[in-house]
N, C-alpha and C. Protein backbone atom coordinates (compact mmCIF):
# COMPACT_ATOMS: atom_id res chain seq x y z
N MET A 1 57.15 101.63 76.53
CA MET A 1 56.50 101.94 75.27
C MET A 1 54.99 101.84 75.45
N SER A 2 54.27 102.86 75.07
CA SER A 2 52.82 102.86 75.23
C SER A 2 52.19 101.89 74.22
N LYS A 3 51.00 101.42 74.58
CA LYS A 3 50.25 100.51 73.73
C LYS A 3 48.91 101.15 73.42
N SER A 4 48.29 100.75 72.32
CA SER A 4 46.99 101.29 71.93
C SER A 4 46.04 100.17 71.54
N ALA A 5 44.77 100.41 71.83
CA ALA A 5 43.67 99.58 71.33
C ALA A 5 42.89 100.46 70.37
N TYR A 6 42.37 99.85 69.31
CA TYR A 6 41.63 100.59 68.30
C TYR A 6 40.24 100.00 68.12
N ILE A 7 39.23 100.84 68.23
CA ILE A 7 37.85 100.45 68.00
C ILE A 7 37.45 101.07 66.67
N LYS A 8 37.39 100.25 65.63
CA LYS A 8 37.18 100.75 64.28
C LYS A 8 35.72 100.57 63.86
N LEU A 9 35.11 101.65 63.37
CA LEU A 9 33.74 101.60 62.86
C LEU A 9 33.78 101.18 61.40
N VAL A 10 33.47 99.92 61.19
CA VAL A 10 33.55 99.32 59.86
C VAL A 10 32.14 99.03 59.35
N GLU A 11 32.04 98.42 58.17
CA GLU A 11 30.74 98.02 57.65
C GLU A 11 30.08 97.08 58.66
N GLY A 12 28.81 97.32 58.95
CA GLY A 12 28.11 96.51 59.93
C GLY A 12 28.09 97.13 61.32
N SER A 13 28.84 98.21 61.53
CA SER A 13 28.84 98.91 62.82
C SER A 13 27.55 99.71 62.95
N LYS A 14 27.18 100.07 64.18
CA LYS A 14 25.95 100.83 64.42
C LYS A 14 26.00 102.22 63.80
N GLN A 15 27.19 102.79 63.71
CA GLN A 15 27.34 104.11 63.12
C GLN A 15 28.64 104.16 62.35
N SER A 16 28.77 105.16 61.47
CA SER A 16 29.97 105.23 60.63
C SER A 16 30.93 106.33 61.08
N GLU A 17 30.46 107.21 61.98
CA GLU A 17 31.32 108.29 62.48
C GLU A 17 31.25 108.30 64.00
N ILE A 18 32.28 108.88 64.62
CA ILE A 18 32.34 108.96 66.08
C ILE A 18 33.00 110.27 66.50
N THR A 19 32.52 110.85 67.58
CA THR A 19 33.11 112.07 68.14
C THR A 19 33.50 111.81 69.59
N LEU A 20 34.28 112.70 70.16
CA LEU A 20 34.62 112.58 71.58
C LEU A 20 33.38 112.67 72.45
N ASP A 21 32.41 113.49 72.04
CA ASP A 21 31.15 113.59 72.80
C ASP A 21 30.43 112.24 72.80
N ASP A 22 30.45 111.53 71.66
CA ASP A 22 29.84 110.20 71.60
C ASP A 22 30.54 109.26 72.60
N VAL A 23 31.85 109.33 72.65
CA VAL A 23 32.62 108.48 73.56
C VAL A 23 32.28 108.83 75.01
N LYS A 24 32.19 110.13 75.31
CA LYS A 24 31.83 110.55 76.66
C LYS A 24 30.44 110.04 77.05
N LYS A 25 29.50 110.05 76.12
CA LYS A 25 28.16 109.54 76.39
C LYS A 25 28.19 108.04 76.66
N LEU A 26 28.99 107.32 75.90
CA LEU A 26 29.10 105.87 76.12
C LEU A 26 29.74 105.57 77.48
N LEU A 27 30.75 106.34 77.85
CA LEU A 27 31.38 106.15 79.16
C LEU A 27 30.41 106.51 80.29
N ALA A 28 29.59 107.55 80.08
CA ALA A 28 28.57 107.92 81.07
C ALA A 28 27.56 106.78 81.21
N TYR A 29 27.19 106.17 80.10
CA TYR A 29 26.27 105.03 80.11
C TYR A 29 26.89 103.87 80.89
N TYR A 30 28.18 103.63 80.67
CA TYR A 30 28.90 102.57 81.39
C TYR A 30 28.86 102.83 82.89
N LYS A 31 29.14 104.07 83.28
CA LYS A 31 29.12 104.43 84.70
C LYS A 31 27.71 104.27 85.28
N GLU A 32 26.71 104.64 84.52
CA GLU A 32 25.31 104.51 84.95
C GLU A 32 24.95 103.04 85.15
N MET A 33 25.34 102.20 84.20
CA MET A 33 25.06 100.76 84.30
C MET A 33 25.73 100.15 85.52
N THR A 34 26.99 100.50 85.76
CA THR A 34 27.70 99.92 86.89
C THR A 34 27.18 100.46 88.22
N ALA A 35 26.71 101.70 88.23
CA ALA A 35 26.10 102.25 89.46
C ALA A 35 24.82 101.48 89.77
N TYR A 36 24.03 101.19 88.75
CA TYR A 36 22.79 100.43 88.93
C TYR A 36 23.10 99.02 89.43
N THR A 37 24.11 98.40 88.86
CA THR A 37 24.53 97.07 89.31
C THR A 37 24.94 97.13 90.78
N GLY A 38 25.68 98.18 91.15
CA GLY A 38 26.09 98.36 92.54
C GLY A 38 24.91 98.49 93.48
N GLN A 39 23.87 99.21 93.05
CA GLN A 39 22.66 99.34 93.88
C GLN A 39 22.03 97.97 94.12
N GLN A 40 22.00 97.16 93.07
CA GLN A 40 21.43 95.82 93.20
C GLN A 40 22.25 94.94 94.13
N LEU A 41 23.58 95.14 94.10
CA LEU A 41 24.47 94.32 94.93
C LEU A 41 24.65 94.89 96.33
N GLY A 42 24.30 96.16 96.51
CA GLY A 42 24.43 96.79 97.82
C GLY A 42 25.84 97.29 98.13
N TRP A 43 26.62 97.62 97.12
CA TRP A 43 27.93 98.23 97.34
C TRP A 43 28.28 99.14 96.17
N ASP A 44 29.31 99.96 96.35
CA ASP A 44 29.67 100.97 95.37
C ASP A 44 30.48 100.37 94.22
N TYR A 45 29.82 99.55 93.41
CA TYR A 45 30.49 98.90 92.29
C TYR A 45 30.96 99.92 91.25
N GLN A 46 30.23 101.00 91.08
CA GLN A 46 30.58 102.00 90.06
C GLN A 46 31.97 102.56 90.32
N GLN A 47 32.32 102.79 91.58
CA GLN A 47 33.65 103.32 91.92
C GLN A 47 34.74 102.31 91.55
N ALA A 48 34.48 101.04 91.74
CA ALA A 48 35.45 100.00 91.39
C ALA A 48 35.51 99.80 89.87
N ALA A 49 34.37 99.91 89.21
CA ALA A 49 34.31 99.68 87.76
C ALA A 49 34.88 100.84 86.96
N PHE A 50 34.78 102.06 87.50
CA PHE A 50 35.28 103.24 86.78
C PHE A 50 36.05 104.13 87.77
N PRO A 51 37.29 103.74 88.08
CA PRO A 51 38.09 104.48 89.07
C PRO A 51 38.85 105.67 88.49
N TYR A 52 38.21 106.41 87.61
CA TYR A 52 38.86 107.54 86.92
C TYR A 52 37.96 108.76 86.94
N THR A 53 38.58 109.92 86.77
CA THR A 53 37.85 111.14 86.44
C THR A 53 38.10 111.37 84.95
N ILE A 54 37.17 112.03 84.28
CA ILE A 54 37.33 112.29 82.84
C ILE A 54 37.65 113.76 82.65
N GLU A 55 38.78 114.03 82.00
CA GLU A 55 39.20 115.40 81.71
C GLU A 55 39.34 115.55 80.20
N GLU A 56 38.85 116.67 79.67
CA GLU A 56 39.04 116.96 78.25
C GLU A 56 40.34 117.73 78.09
N LYS A 57 41.17 117.29 77.16
CA LYS A 57 42.49 117.90 76.94
C LYS A 57 42.65 118.23 75.45
N GLU A 58 43.64 119.05 75.17
CA GLU A 58 43.98 119.37 73.79
C GLU A 58 45.48 119.59 73.70
N GLN A 59 46.09 119.03 72.67
CA GLN A 59 47.52 119.22 72.43
C GLN A 59 47.73 119.30 70.93
N ASP A 60 48.39 120.35 70.49
CA ASP A 60 48.66 120.57 69.07
C ASP A 60 47.39 120.52 68.23
N GLY A 61 46.30 121.06 68.77
CA GLY A 61 45.03 121.11 68.05
C GLY A 61 44.25 119.81 68.04
N ILE A 62 44.77 118.79 68.72
CA ILE A 62 44.10 117.50 68.79
C ILE A 62 43.43 117.35 70.15
N GLN A 63 42.12 117.14 70.13
CA GLN A 63 41.38 116.96 71.37
C GLN A 63 41.34 115.49 71.75
N TYR A 64 41.38 115.24 73.06
CA TYR A 64 41.31 113.87 73.55
C TYR A 64 40.79 113.87 74.98
N LEU A 65 40.45 112.70 75.47
CA LEU A 65 40.00 112.53 76.84
C LEU A 65 41.11 111.89 77.66
N MET A 66 41.29 112.38 78.87
CA MET A 66 42.22 111.75 79.80
C MET A 66 41.39 111.16 80.93
N LEU A 67 41.49 109.87 81.10
CA LEU A 67 40.87 109.20 82.23
C LEU A 67 41.95 109.12 83.30
N LYS A 68 41.84 109.98 84.30
CA LYS A 68 42.87 110.11 85.33
C LYS A 68 42.47 109.30 86.56
N GLY A 69 43.37 108.44 87.01
CA GLY A 69 43.09 107.57 88.14
C GLY A 69 42.81 108.33 89.43
N ILE A 70 41.77 107.91 90.13
CA ILE A 70 41.42 108.52 91.41
C ILE A 70 42.42 108.06 92.48
N GLU A 71 42.87 106.82 92.38
CA GLU A 71 43.86 106.27 93.30
C GLU A 71 45.13 105.97 92.48
N PRO A 72 46.08 106.94 92.41
CA PRO A 72 47.24 106.83 91.52
C PRO A 72 48.11 105.58 91.71
N SER A 73 48.12 105.02 92.89
CA SER A 73 48.94 103.82 93.09
C SER A 73 48.35 102.61 92.36
N GLN A 74 47.04 102.63 92.12
CA GLN A 74 46.40 101.52 91.42
C GLN A 74 46.08 101.85 89.97
N TYR A 75 45.73 103.12 89.70
CA TYR A 75 45.33 103.54 88.35
C TYR A 75 46.01 104.87 88.03
N TYR A 76 46.79 104.88 86.97
CA TYR A 76 47.53 106.08 86.58
C TYR A 76 46.64 106.93 85.67
N TYR A 77 46.60 106.62 84.39
CA TYR A 77 45.66 107.28 83.48
C TYR A 77 45.59 106.53 82.16
N LEU A 78 44.54 106.83 81.39
CA LEU A 78 44.34 106.32 80.03
C LEU A 78 43.99 107.51 79.15
N LEU A 79 44.32 107.44 77.88
CA LEU A 79 43.97 108.49 76.92
C LEU A 79 43.04 107.91 75.86
N ILE A 80 42.06 108.71 75.47
CA ILE A 80 41.12 108.27 74.43
C ILE A 80 40.97 109.38 73.40
N GLY A 81 41.16 109.04 72.15
CA GLY A 81 40.99 110.00 71.06
C GLY A 81 40.20 109.37 69.93
N VAL A 82 39.75 110.20 69.02
CA VAL A 82 39.04 109.72 67.84
C VAL A 82 39.71 110.27 66.59
N SER A 83 39.64 109.50 65.52
CA SER A 83 40.25 109.94 64.26
C SER A 83 39.62 109.16 63.11
N GLN A 84 40.19 109.35 61.93
CA GLN A 84 39.70 108.69 60.72
C GLN A 84 40.89 108.19 59.92
N GLU A 85 40.81 106.95 59.44
CA GLU A 85 41.88 106.39 58.61
C GLU A 85 41.91 107.11 57.27
N LYS A 86 43.08 107.43 56.80
CA LYS A 86 43.22 108.14 55.53
C LYS A 86 42.88 107.24 54.34
N ASP A 87 43.35 105.98 54.38
CA ASP A 87 43.17 105.10 53.22
C ASP A 87 41.76 104.52 53.11
N THR A 88 41.12 104.16 54.22
CA THR A 88 39.80 103.53 54.16
C THR A 88 38.66 104.50 54.47
N GLY A 89 38.96 105.56 55.20
CA GLY A 89 37.93 106.50 55.61
C GLY A 89 37.18 106.08 56.86
N TYR A 90 37.52 104.89 57.40
CA TYR A 90 36.85 104.42 58.62
C TYR A 90 37.21 105.30 59.81
N HIS A 91 36.22 105.62 60.60
CA HIS A 91 36.44 106.35 61.84
C HIS A 91 36.82 105.33 62.92
N TYR A 92 37.62 105.78 63.89
CA TYR A 92 38.01 104.87 64.96
C TYR A 92 38.26 105.63 66.26
N ILE A 93 38.22 104.87 67.34
CA ILE A 93 38.57 105.36 68.67
C ILE A 93 39.90 104.72 69.02
N GLN A 94 40.83 105.52 69.52
CA GLN A 94 42.11 104.99 69.97
C GLN A 94 42.18 105.14 71.48
N LEU A 95 42.42 104.05 72.16
CA LEU A 95 42.59 104.06 73.60
C LEU A 95 44.06 103.77 73.89
N VAL A 96 44.75 104.73 74.52
CA VAL A 96 46.20 104.62 74.72
C VAL A 96 46.51 104.29 76.18
N LEU A 97 47.32 103.27 76.35
CA LEU A 97 47.84 102.87 77.65
C LEU A 97 49.26 103.44 77.75
N PRO A 98 49.51 104.41 78.64
CA PRO A 98 50.83 105.06 78.70
C PRO A 98 51.93 104.15 79.25
N ASP A 99 53.17 104.59 79.09
CA ASP A 99 54.33 103.83 79.55
C ASP A 99 54.25 103.47 81.04
N ARG A 100 53.82 104.42 81.86
CA ARG A 100 53.80 104.22 83.31
C ARG A 100 52.51 103.56 83.80
N ALA A 101 51.74 103.00 82.91
CA ALA A 101 50.45 102.40 83.27
C ALA A 101 50.63 101.26 84.28
N THR A 102 49.64 101.13 85.14
CA THR A 102 49.63 100.06 86.11
C THR A 102 48.93 98.83 85.52
N HIS A 103 49.01 97.73 86.23
CA HIS A 103 48.28 96.53 85.80
C HIS A 103 46.77 96.82 85.77
N GLY A 104 46.31 97.62 86.73
CA GLY A 104 44.90 98.01 86.78
C GLY A 104 44.49 98.79 85.54
N ASP A 105 45.35 99.71 85.08
CA ASP A 105 45.07 100.47 83.86
C ASP A 105 44.93 99.55 82.66
N CYS A 106 45.81 98.57 82.57
CA CYS A 106 45.77 97.63 81.44
C CYS A 106 44.46 96.85 81.45
N THR A 107 44.06 96.39 82.62
CA THR A 107 42.81 95.65 82.75
C THR A 107 41.62 96.51 82.36
N LYS A 108 41.59 97.75 82.85
CA LYS A 108 40.48 98.66 82.55
C LYS A 108 40.48 99.05 81.07
N ALA A 109 41.65 99.23 80.47
CA ALA A 109 41.73 99.57 79.05
C ALA A 109 41.10 98.46 78.20
N ASN A 110 41.41 97.21 78.53
CA ASN A 110 40.80 96.09 77.81
C ASN A 110 39.29 96.04 78.03
N GLU A 111 38.88 96.26 79.27
CA GLU A 111 37.46 96.24 79.60
C GLU A 111 36.69 97.34 78.87
N TYR A 112 37.21 98.57 78.90
CA TYR A 112 36.52 99.69 78.25
C TYR A 112 36.52 99.55 76.74
N SER A 113 37.62 99.07 76.17
CA SER A 113 37.67 98.94 74.71
C SER A 113 36.67 97.88 74.25
N ARG A 114 36.53 96.79 74.99
CA ARG A 114 35.53 95.77 74.64
C ARG A 114 34.12 96.33 74.79
N PHE A 115 33.88 97.09 75.85
CA PHE A 115 32.56 97.70 76.05
C PHE A 115 32.22 98.64 74.90
N LEU A 116 33.14 99.52 74.53
CA LEU A 116 32.89 100.47 73.45
C LEU A 116 32.66 99.74 72.13
N ALA A 117 33.50 98.75 71.84
CA ALA A 117 33.36 98.00 70.58
C ALA A 117 32.02 97.27 70.54
N LYS A 118 31.60 96.70 71.66
CA LYS A 118 30.32 95.98 71.69
C LYS A 118 29.16 96.94 71.50
N GLN A 119 29.20 98.10 72.16
CA GLN A 119 28.12 99.08 72.03
C GLN A 119 28.01 99.61 70.61
N LEU A 120 29.14 99.76 69.94
CA LEU A 120 29.16 100.32 68.59
C LEU A 120 29.12 99.25 67.50
N GLU A 121 29.14 97.97 67.92
CA GLU A 121 29.22 96.86 66.98
C GLU A 121 30.38 97.09 66.01
N ALA A 122 31.54 97.28 66.60
CA ALA A 122 32.73 97.65 65.84
C ALA A 122 33.76 96.53 65.85
N GLN A 123 34.83 96.76 65.12
CA GLN A 123 35.98 95.86 65.10
C GLN A 123 36.97 96.38 66.14
N LEU A 124 37.49 95.50 66.97
CA LEU A 124 38.40 95.90 68.04
C LEU A 124 39.76 95.25 67.88
N GLN A 125 40.80 96.08 67.85
CA GLN A 125 42.17 95.56 67.92
C GLN A 125 42.63 95.81 69.34
N LEU A 126 42.81 94.73 70.09
CA LEU A 126 43.18 94.82 71.50
C LEU A 126 44.62 95.31 71.68
N LEU A 127 44.97 95.61 72.91
CA LEU A 127 46.31 96.07 73.24
C LEU A 127 47.39 95.08 72.81
N ASN A 128 47.06 93.79 72.82
CA ASN A 128 48.04 92.76 72.44
C ASN A 128 48.08 92.50 70.94
N GLY A 129 47.29 93.27 70.16
CA GLY A 129 47.30 93.12 68.71
C GLY A 129 46.23 92.19 68.16
N ARG A 130 45.60 91.41 69.01
CA ARG A 130 44.55 90.51 68.55
C ARG A 130 43.31 91.31 68.17
N THR A 131 42.51 90.74 67.27
CA THR A 131 41.30 91.43 66.78
C THR A 131 40.05 90.67 67.19
N MET A 132 39.06 91.43 67.67
CA MET A 132 37.74 90.89 68.00
C MET A 132 36.73 91.62 67.12
N TYR A 133 35.70 90.90 66.70
CA TYR A 133 34.68 91.47 65.83
C TYR A 133 33.35 91.51 66.57
N PHE A 134 32.78 92.68 66.70
CA PHE A 134 31.47 92.84 67.30
C PHE A 134 30.45 93.30 66.24
N ASN A 135 30.93 93.45 65.00
CA ASN A 135 30.07 93.89 63.91
C ASN A 135 29.55 92.69 63.13
N THR A 136 28.48 92.91 62.37
CA THR A 136 27.94 91.86 61.51
C THR A 136 28.85 91.76 60.30
N ARG A 137 29.42 90.58 60.12
CA ARG A 137 30.32 90.38 58.96
C ARG A 137 29.64 89.51 57.93
N LYS A 138 29.93 89.81 56.68
CA LYS A 138 29.33 89.04 55.58
C LYS A 138 30.23 87.93 55.14
């Protein structure tokens, strides 16, 4: 059974809407940061920190990103989509861990969801159902 993490843009978040292009820019920023860290350490940290290629996909009119593992035995894939809650109107990012996910995929899904939530100052519901708050709460 697949699991999902949700990064919800709530009151106090940096922005109120999100697009797949925004997510791609944040992932590019993550890759840039880890590449810089790798330069400082003298090894290819970026490859270890982001062992995926990013592919844009569409199914039934719904666009999403597929993070496909470069080394399939360690990393299978992750899916990332954006949507809006019907009842609250909050925009959110959904990060899906597929059924065949590896332990590495699970670790990276948690890492990326925390990174995205922190950058957006959003509310994060982790894969295990627990909630973390990176937004300013009143």
